[in-house]
């Protein structure tokens, strides 16, 4: 009986140990509440982080996501690795709010974290900073923040010259600190279209997001044309000549020339020509822009005739008419004189 009693006591003690290890000890080491936060945001990803569970009987973390704080929520990820305390949610929509919570499951229950609101960012915004005859300077704003799970990879600048044309890569920029680029080698007076896209690394893949498209027209080459109100005047009259400059880099300065000689007193875009000497005059203007470039306009020829009666066409016709009349009178006189002889 003593032996049976001892065996019974031993069984009871063993049962008590097993019972306490299963039902009593977990009470002090049950599923623990973790704190959830967001550490990085891009247009299509949100990187989440949380405190590590202290649960001795940990089974898994399960992450839930919804579009409204009141749900519904869907399970999007789970891991049995207690040491993993971060995760990148991918394939999201840009500029959108999302809600997350994570649950610590163990063998005996679960504990839910706080509910976290986090948003994806907007696509990069591209602007034209300046243009020249052969360059366009671009700047952009990147609203992303990056993490080790979703690192920055590059910015890619693209260009095309036709509305329906194909995009071509101008440059790939690998520095996250670069937010500007100057496109060179362009044609003056031409229109171009530009966009960029950022590339981010996501697990086993890359994600790209395009910016807005901007349009830029390079500055045309400096040119100038002149026109006149008339090309025939008389001495004492005047001709109004106007210059139209385009392209280059204003402001412009004007130098007028008559028969190759510069004219003093006129430095604007209009010139009033007059002279007291009949003849044909060739007029043009040279235009200089602020960059120092100078171009000549087309030439205009203005014919000046004398305003004196003696030098005019009317006077010439009068002389001719007088001569004709005199010739007629002489002929008549000779005719009558000859008739009397007969």
Protein backbone atom coordinates (compact mmCIF):
# COMPACT_ATOMS: atom_id res chain seq x y z
CA UNK A 1 0.00 0.00 0.00
CA UNK A 2 2.85 2.34 0.76
CA UNK A 3 4.28 1.78 -2.72
CA UNK A 4 0.91 2.40 -4.35
CA UNK A 5 0.50 5.56 -2.31
CA UNK A 6 3.90 6.85 -3.37
CA UNK A 7 3.13 6.13 -7.02
CA UNK A 8 -0.17 7.93 -6.72
CA UNK A 9 1.49 10.96 -5.16
CA UNK A 10 4.11 11.02 -7.92
CA UNK A 11 1.43 10.90 -10.61
CA UNK A 12 -0.45 13.74 -8.96
CA UNK A 13 2.70 15.85 -8.73
CA UNK A 14 3.51 15.21 -12.43
CA UNK A 15 -0.05 16.06 -13.40
CA UNK A 16 0.15 19.29 -11.39
CA UNK A 17 3.39 20.26 -13.14
CA UNK A 18 1.91 19.62 -16.61
CA UNK A 19 -1.30 21.43 -15.71
CA UNK A 20 0.51 24.48 -14.41
CA UNK A 21 2.79 24.66 -17.45
CA UNK A 22 -0.19 24.63 -19.80
CA UNK A 23 -2.86 26.57 -17.98
CA UNK A 24 -1.20 28.63 -15.29
CA UNK A 25 2.19 29.81 -16.63
CA UNK A 26 0.80 31.37 -19.87
CA UNK A 27 -1.22 33.79 -17.81
CA UNK A 28 1.90 35.84 -17.28
CA UNK A 29 3.20 35.43 -20.82
CA UNK A 30 0.12 35.66 -23.04
CA UNK A 31 -0.16 37.39 -26.41
CA UNK A 32 1.14 40.94 -26.07
CA UNK A 33 -0.11 44.13 -27.64
CA UNK A 34 2.40 45.54 -30.15
CA UNK A 35 2.60 49.16 -31.32
CA UNK A 36 2.20 49.72 -35.07
CA UNK A 37 3.67 52.71 -36.96
CA UNK A 38 4.56 53.72 -40.52
CA UNK A 39 8.17 54.55 -41.35
CA UNK A 40 8.11 55.26 -45.11
CA UNK A 41 5.66 56.15 -47.87
CA UNK A 42 5.83 56.12 -51.67
CA UNK A 43 3.16 56.41 -54.35
CA UNK A 44 2.35 52.70 -54.22
CA UNK A 45 3.88 51.43 -50.95
CA UNK A 46 3.68 51.94 -47.20
CA UNK A 47 6.40 50.54 -44.95
CA UNK A 48 5.11 49.48 -41.53
CA UNK A 49 7.01 48.76 -38.32
CA UNK A 50 5.96 47.43 -34.94
CA UNK A 51 7.39 46.52 -31.57
CA UNK A 52 8.43 42.91 -31.11
CA UNK A 53 6.05 40.63 -29.25
CA UNK A 54 7.10 39.44 -25.79
CA UNK A 55 4.78 36.45 -26.04
CA UNK A 56 6.52 33.19 -24.95
CA UNK A 57 3.95 31.18 -26.89
CA UNK A 58 4.04 33.32 -30.06
CA UNK A 59 2.52 31.76 -33.20
CA UNK A 60 2.40 34.54 -35.80
CA UNK A 61 1.87 38.18 -36.69
CA UNK A 62 -1.08 38.81 -39.00
CA UNK A 63 -1.53 42.18 -40.72
CA UNK A 64 -4.92 43.56 -41.71
CA UNK A 65 -5.76 46.48 -44.02
CA UNK A 66 -8.89 48.50 -44.79
CA UNK A 67 -9.94 51.67 -46.59
CA UNK A 68 -12.07 52.91 -43.70
CA UNK A 69 -11.28 53.11 -40.03
CA UNK A 70 -14.43 51.11 -39.27
CA UNK A 71 -13.57 48.46 -41.83
CA UNK A 72 -14.04 46.09 -43.41
CA UNK A 73 -10.47 44.84 -42.95
CA UNK A 74 -8.78 42.11 -44.91
CA UNK A 75 -5.86 39.93 -43.97
CA UNK A 76 -2.95 40.86 -46.26
CA UNK A 77 0.10 39.22 -44.68
CA UNK A 78 1.29 36.88 -41.94
CA UNK A 79 4.61 35.62 -40.59
CA UNK A 80 5.69 33.13 -37.95
CA UNK A 81 9.01 34.94 -37.46
CA UNK A 82 8.68 36.86 -34.21
CA UNK A 83 11.85 38.83 -34.90
CA UNK A 84 10.43 40.29 -38.12
CA UNK A 85 9.01 43.65 -37.11
CA UNK A 86 8.58 45.45 -40.43
CA UNK A 87 6.77 44.91 -43.70
CA UNK A 88 6.23 46.85 -46.94
CA UNK A 89 2.68 46.89 -48.26
CA UNK A 90 2.87 47.22 -52.07
CA UNK A 91 0.62 47.68 -55.13
CA UNK A 92 -1.35 50.49 -53.49
CA UNK A 93 -2.99 53.49 -55.16
CA UNK A 94 -1.28 56.86 -54.96
CA UNK A 95 -2.64 59.67 -52.74
CA UNK A 96 -4.88 57.27 -50.82
CA UNK A 97 -5.50 56.74 -47.09
CA UNK A 98 -5.25 53.23 -45.69
CA UNK A 99 -5.88 51.76 -42.23
CA UNK A 100 -3.85 48.94 -40.67
CA UNK A 101 -3.62 46.87 -37.53
CA UNK A 102 -1.54 43.83 -36.64
CA UNK A 103 -2.52 40.92 -34.41
CA UNK A 104 -0.14 38.93 -32.23
CA UNK A 105 -1.45 35.37 -32.16
CA UNK A 106 -0.22 32.75 -29.68
CA UNK A 107 -1.30 29.26 -28.66
CA UNK A 108 -3.90 30.58 -26.27
CA UNK A 109 -5.26 33.77 -27.81
CA UNK A 110 -4.39 37.02 -29.55
CA UNK A 111 -3.69 40.69 -28.95
CA UNK A 112 -4.48 43.46 -31.43
CA UNK A 113 -2.30 46.51 -31.98
CA UNK A 114 -3.43 50.09 -32.38
CA UNK A 115 -5.19 51.03 -35.64
CA UNK A 116 -2.85 53.05 -37.86
CA UNK A 117 -3.86 55.49 -40.57
CA UNK A 118 -1.21 55.91 -43.29
CA UNK A 119 -1.33 57.35 -46.78
CA UNK A 120 0.50 56.87 -50.04
CA UNK A 121 2.13 59.90 -51.66
CA UNK A 122 1.37 61.85 -54.82
CA UNK A 123 3.34 61.25 -58.03
CA UNK A 124 6.34 63.54 -58.57
CA UNK A 125 5.52 67.04 -59.83
CA UNK A 126 7.62 68.27 -62.75
CA UNK A 127 8.16 71.94 -63.68
CA UNK A 128 10.06 73.87 -66.34
CA UNK A 129 12.52 76.15 -64.59
CA UNK A 130 14.08 77.97 -67.57
CA UNK A 131 14.69 77.71 -71.32
CA UNK A 132 17.34 78.94 -73.73
CA UNK A 133 17.73 78.48 -77.46
CA UNK A 134 19.14 74.97 -77.01
CA UNK A 135 18.36 73.92 -73.40
CA UNK A 136 15.43 73.30 -71.06
CA UNK A 137 16.01 73.19 -67.29
CA UNK A 138 13.64 70.96 -65.31
CA UNK A 139 12.95 70.68 -61.59
CA UNK A 140 10.73 68.26 -59.71
CA UNK A 141 9.33 67.50 -56.28
CA UNK A 142 9.50 63.96 -54.92
CA UNK A 143 7.09 63.39 -52.02
CA UNK A 144 8.35 59.91 -51.17
CA UNK A 145 10.14 58.74 -48.06
CA UNK A 146 12.14 55.56 -48.42
CA UNK A 147 13.14 52.61 -46.26
CA UNK A 148 15.43 49.61 -46.41
CA UNK A 149 12.48 47.56 -47.63
CA UNK A 150 11.55 50.12 -50.30
CA UNK A 151 14.74 51.95 -51.28
CA UNK A 152 15.16 54.72 -53.83
CA UNK A 153 16.60 53.48 -57.13
CA UNK A 154 16.56 56.32 -59.68
CA UNK A 155 14.84 59.18 -61.46
CA UNK A 156 14.46 58.83 -65.24
CA UNK A 157 13.99 61.90 -67.47
CA UNK A 158 12.12 61.30 -70.74
CA UNK A 159 11.48 63.55 -73.75
CA UNK A 160 9.62 63.64 -77.04
CA UNK A 161 9.19 66.29 -79.73
CA UNK A 162 5.79 65.30 -81.11
CA UNK A 163 2.47 65.07 -79.28
CA UNK A 164 1.93 61.53 -80.48
CA UNK A 165 5.59 60.56 -80.66
CA UNK A 166 7.51 58.01 -78.67
CA UNK A 167 9.23 58.85 -75.40
CA UNK A 168 12.99 58.54 -75.28
CA UNK A 169 15.23 58.41 -72.21
CA UNK A 170 17.34 61.53 -71.73
CA UNK A 171 19.00 60.68 -68.42
CA UNK A 172 18.88 58.25 -65.50
CA UNK A 173 19.72 59.93 -62.18
CA UNK A 174 20.78 57.68 -59.33
CA UNK A 175 21.06 60.32 -56.60
CA UNK A 176 18.08 60.82 -54.33
CA UNK A 177 19.32 64.35 -53.62
CA UNK A 178 19.04 65.43 -57.28
CA UNK A 179 15.79 67.14 -58.15
CA UNK A 180 16.80 69.07 -61.27
CA UNK A 181 18.22 68.38 -64.71
CA UNK A 182 19.06 70.45 -67.80
CA UNK A 183 18.34 68.93 -71.19
CA UNK A 184 20.85 70.17 -73.77
CA UNK A 185 21.38 69.95 -77.53
CA UNK A 186 17.88 71.09 -78.47
CA UNK A 187 16.86 73.04 -81.57
CA UNK A 188 15.99 76.76 -81.32
CA UNK A 189 12.32 77.63 -81.61
CA UNK A 190 11.16 74.02 -81.14
CA UNK A 191 8.55 72.53 -78.81
CA UNK A 192 9.36 69.55 -76.59
CA UNK A 193 7.50 67.43 -74.05
CA UNK A 194 9.07 66.12 -70.84
CA UNK A 195 8.20 63.78 -67.99
CA UNK A 196 10.07 61.87 -65.30
CA UNK A 197 9.41 58.73 -63.35
CA UNK A 198 10.83 57.53 -60.07
CA UNK A 199 11.88 53.94 -59.58
CA UNK A 200 11.72 52.33 -56.15
CA UNK A 201 12.76 48.89 -55.04
CA UNK A 202 10.14 46.56 -53.68
CA UNK A 203 10.65 42.92 -52.70
CA UNK A 204 11.79 41.01 -55.79
CA UNK A 205 10.71 43.78 -58.14
CA UNK A 206 10.77 47.47 -59.09
CA UNK A 207 7.94 49.98 -59.10
CA UNK A 208 7.78 53.14 -61.22
CA UNK A 209 5.49 56.16 -61.07
CA UNK A 210 5.24 58.86 -63.76
CA UNK A 211 5.05 62.58 -63.15
CA UNK A 212 2.91 65.07 -65.02
CA UNK A 213 3.97 66.00 -68.57
CA UNK A 214 5.30 69.53 -69.17
CA UNK A 215 5.74 71.41 -72.45
CA UNK A 216 8.61 73.77 -73.25
CA UNK A 217 9.47 75.76 -76.38
CA UNK A 218 13.08 76.79 -76.84
CA UNK A 219 13.85 80.40 -77.69
CA UNK A 220 13.99 81.06 -81.45
CA UNK A 221 17.11 82.45 -83.09
CA UNK A 222 17.24 86.23 -83.24
CA UNK A 223 15.65 87.62 -86.41
CA UNK A 224 14.37 90.99 -87.64
CA UNK A 225 12.38 92.24 -90.61
CA UNK A 226 11.56 95.79 -91.70
CA UNK A 227 8.66 97.23 -93.68
CA UNK A 228 7.96 100.70 -95.06
CA UNK A 229 4.78 102.68 -95.54
CA UNK A 230 5.99 103.54 -99.07
CA UNK A 231 8.97 102.99 -101.34
CA UNK A 232 8.58 106.18 -103.40
CA UNK A 233 8.67 109.69 -101.98
CA UNK A 234 9.54 113.18 -103.10
CA UNK A 235 12.09 115.42 -101.49
CA UNK A 236 10.53 116.93 -98.41
CA UNK A 237 8.37 113.87 -97.79
CA UNK A 238 9.12 111.02 -95.39
CA UNK A 239 8.77 107.24 -95.22
CA UNK A 240 7.92 105.48 -91.95
CA UNK A 241 9.95 102.28 -91.56
CA UNK A 242 9.23 99.77 -88.78
CA UNK A 243 11.35 96.88 -87.52
CA UNK A 244 9.93 93.69 -86.02
CA UNK A 245 12.49 91.74 -83.96
CA UNK A 246 11.84 88.21 -82.70
CA UNK A 247 13.69 85.53 -80.77
CA UNK A 248 17.02 85.92 -79.05
CA UNK A 249 17.15 87.53 -75.64
CA UNK A 250 15.40 90.91 -75.22
CA UNK A 251 15.80 93.79 -74.75
CA UNK A 252 16.99 94.78 -78.22
CA UNK A 253 19.05 97.71 -79.48
CA UNK A 254 18.64 99.01 -83.04
CA UNK A 255 21.13 100.64 -85.40
CA UNK A 256 19.69 101.96 -88.68
CA UNK A 257 21.73 102.16 -91.88
CA UNK A 258 21.16 104.17 -95.07
CA UNK A 259 23.37 103.19 -98.01
CA UNK A 260 25.66 101.39 -95.57
CA UNK A 261 26.12 104.35 -93.22
CA UNK A 262 24.75 104.35 -89.65
CA UNK A 263 22.04 106.89 -88.88
CA UNK A 264 22.31 108.99 -85.74
CA UNK A 265 19.30 109.95 -83.67
CA UNK A 266 17.34 106.73 -84.20
CA UNK A 267 17.88 103.76 -81.84
CA UNK A 268 14.38 102.33 -81.62
CA UNK A 269 12.30 99.98 -83.70
CA UNK A 270 10.94 102.81 -85.91
CA UNK A 271 12.81 105.08 -88.32
CA UNK A 272 11.47 108.10 -90.23
CA UNK A 273 13.43 108.53 -93.46
CA UNK A 274 13.53 111.80 -95.40
CA UNK A 275 16.07 113.61 -97.56
CA UNK A 276 16.44 116.66 -99.78
CA UNK A 277 18.50 114.84 -102.36
CA UNK A 278 16.80 112.78 -105.07
CA UNK A 279 18.06 109.23 -105.62
CA UNK A 280 17.65 105.61 -104.57
CA UNK A 281 18.43 104.76 -100.96
CA UNK A 282 18.97 101.31 -99.44
CA UNK A 283 17.90 101.01 -95.80
CA UNK A 284 18.27 98.20 -93.23
CA UNK A 285 18.59 97.84 -89.46
CA UNK A 286 21.00 95.85 -87.29
CA UNK A 287 19.49 94.42 -84.07
CA UNK A 288 21.53 93.36 -81.05
CA UNK A 289 20.05 91.35 -78.15
CA UNK A 290 21.15 91.18 -74.51
CA UNK A 291 23.38 88.17 -75.20
CA UNK A 292 25.43 90.19 -77.68
CA UNK A 293 24.08 88.48 -80.80
CA UNK A 294 23.59 90.86 -83.76
CA UNK A 295 21.61 90.22 -86.94
CA UNK A 296 20.77 92.39 -89.95
CA UNK A 297 17.30 92.81 -91.35
CA UNK A 298 16.19 92.65 -94.95
CA UNK A 299 16.92 95.75 -97.06
CA UNK A 300 14.36 98.19 -98.46
CA UNK A 301 15.03 100.52 -101.42
CA UNK A 302 13.32 103.90 -101.38
CA UNK A 303 13.29 106.10 -104.47
CA UNK A 304 13.31 109.86 -103.87
CA UNK A 305 12.37 112.30 -106.66
CA UNK A 306 12.64 116.07 -106.67
CA UNK A 307 9.67 118.06 -105.51
CA UNK A 308 10.73 121.12 -107.72
CA UNK A 309 8.66 121.77 -110.83
CA UNK A 310 11.88 121.78 -112.85
CA UNK A 311 12.88 118.39 -111.69
CA UNK A 312 9.49 116.77 -111.72
CA UNK A 313 7.83 114.52 -114.28
CA UNK A 314 5.08 117.11 -114.77
CA UNK A 315 7.62 119.70 -115.85
CA UNK A 316 9.09 117.23 -118.34
CA UNK A 317 5.71 116.64 -119.93
CA UNK A 318 5.12 120.38 -120.16
CA UNK A 319 8.42 120.81 -122.02
CA UNK A 320 7.52 118.00 -124.39
CA UNK A 321 4.09 119.53 -125.01
CA UNK A 322 5.61 122.97 -125.69
CA UNK A 323 8.07 121.46 -128.15
CA UNK A 324 5.25 119.66 -129.95
CA UNK A 325 3.22 122.86 -130.16
CA UNK A 326 6.23 124.79 -131.49
CA UNK A 327 6.89 122.15 -134.11
CA UNK A 328 3.25 122.29 -135.22
CA UNK A 329 3.36 126.09 -135.42
CA UNK A 330 6.58 126.02 -137.45
CA UNK A 331 5.09 123.49 -139.85
CA UNK A 332 1.94 125.57 -140.28
CA UNK A 333 3.98 128.71 -140.78
CA UNK A 334 6.12 127.11 -143.47
CA UNK A 335 3.06 125.62 -145.12
CA UNK A 336 1.32 129.00 -145.40
CA UNK A 337 4.45 130.73 -146.58
CA UNK A 338 4.90 128.19 -149.35
CA UNK A 339 1.25 128.52 -150.39
CA UNK A 340 1.58 132.29 -150.91
CA UNK A 341 4.43 131.74 -153.33
CA UNK A 342 2.19 129.72 -155.52
